[in-house]
Protein backbone atom coordinates (compact mmCIF):
# COMPACT_ATOMS: atom_id res chain seq x y z
CA UNK A 1 59.35 111.47 175.12
CA UNK A 2 57.44 108.21 174.80
CA UNK A 3 58.50 105.49 172.43
CA UNK A 4 55.32 105.82 170.37
CA UNK A 5 55.95 109.53 169.93
CA UNK A 6 59.56 108.85 168.85
CA UNK A 7 58.43 106.25 166.32
CA UNK A 8 55.87 108.69 164.98
CA UNK A 9 58.53 111.39 164.57
CA UNK A 10 60.82 108.92 162.78
CA UNK A 11 58.05 107.96 160.38
CA UNK A 12 57.22 111.62 159.70
CA UNK A 13 60.87 112.41 158.96
CA UNK A 14 61.17 109.39 156.64
CA UNK A 15 57.99 110.38 154.85
CA UNK A 16 59.20 113.97 154.47
CA UNK A 17 62.54 112.89 153.00
CA UNK A 18 60.86 110.43 150.64
CA UNK A 19 58.34 112.99 149.45
CA UNK A 20 61.10 115.55 148.90
CA UNK A 21 63.05 113.01 146.86
CA UNK A 22 60.02 112.33 144.65
CA UNK A 23 59.40 116.06 144.19
CA UNK A 24 63.04 116.74 143.37
CA UNK A 25 63.06 113.94 140.80
CA UNK A 26 59.96 115.34 139.08
CA UNK A 27 61.44 118.84 139.00
CA UNK A 28 64.75 117.56 137.63
CA UNK A 29 63.06 115.56 134.88
CA UNK A 30 60.81 118.47 133.97
CA UNK A 31 63.79 120.83 133.83
CA UNK A 32 65.64 118.38 131.61
CA UNK A 33 62.75 117.96 129.19
CA UNK A 34 61.71 121.62 129.06
CA UNK A 35 65.14 123.29 129.05
CA UNK A 36 68.03 120.92 128.38
CA UNK A 37 66.50 118.85 125.60
CA UNK A 38 65.45 121.81 123.42
CA UNK A 39 68.84 123.48 123.96
CA UNK A 40 70.59 120.29 122.93
CA UNK A 41 68.42 119.90 119.84
CA UNK A 42 69.05 123.51 118.81
CA UNK A 43 72.77 123.02 119.36
CA UNK A 44 72.87 119.87 117.21
CA UNK A 45 71.09 121.77 114.43
CA UNK A 46 73.72 124.51 114.63
CA UNK A 47 71.26 127.21 115.73
CA UNK A 48 72.71 127.72 119.19
CA UNK A 49 76.10 128.26 120.75
CA UNK A 50 77.45 125.14 122.49
CA UNK A 51 78.72 127.16 125.43
CA UNK A 52 75.20 128.03 126.53
CA UNK A 53 74.23 124.35 126.49
CA UNK A 54 77.36 123.48 128.45
CA UNK A 55 76.77 126.18 131.07
CA UNK A 56 73.14 125.18 131.61
CA UNK A 57 74.08 121.49 131.80
CA UNK A 58 76.83 122.18 134.35
CA UNK A 59 74.46 124.34 136.39
CA UNK A 60 71.93 121.50 136.39
CA UNK A 61 74.54 118.95 137.45
CA UNK A 62 75.79 121.23 140.23
CA UNK A 63 72.30 121.86 141.54
CA UNK A 64 71.55 118.13 141.48
CA UNK A 65 74.78 117.44 143.38
CA UNK A 66 73.92 120.00 146.07
CA UNK A 67 70.44 118.54 146.53
CA UNK A 68 71.83 114.99 146.63
CA UNK A 69 74.37 115.95 149.32
CA UNK A 70 71.63 117.64 151.39
CA UNK A 71 69.41 114.56 151.12
CA UNK A 72 72.27 112.20 152.02
CA UNK A 73 73.14 114.32 155.06
CA UNK A 74 69.55 114.23 156.29
CA UNK A 75 69.20 110.48 155.75
CA UNK A 76 72.45 109.90 157.65
CA UNK A 77 71.19 112.14 160.46
CA UNK A 78 67.96 110.16 160.61
CA UNK A 79 69.87 106.86 160.77
CA UNK A 80 72.11 108.26 163.53
CA UNK A 81 69.05 109.41 165.49
CA UNK A 82 67.47 105.99 165.16
CA UNK A 83 70.64 104.23 166.30
CA UNK A 84 71.12 106.50 169.31
CA UNK A 85 67.39 106.63 170.19
CA UNK A 86 67.51 110.41 170.35
CA UNK A 87 64.81 111.69 168.09
CA UNK A 88 65.03 115.41 167.61
CA UNK A 89 62.82 117.75 165.68
CA UNK A 90 61.19 116.94 162.37
């Protein structure tokens, strides 16, 4: 594979990971505003059980952790591919 083609693949992978990160951030913020904030407000007013708020918050944190680990793994793989000059698939 030519060097130009490898550089192009690296740039495409970086762009993909960056765009995914932006999308994930927007989804996380939307989820927080639409779901977590109203649940928290209802809980502080005493109209909702605190366990539901806790379960949803823990689910959100767990999902964010899984996505963060996936993103970190892919960034590390990209860095390893750049260092070894072996560019694989996108």
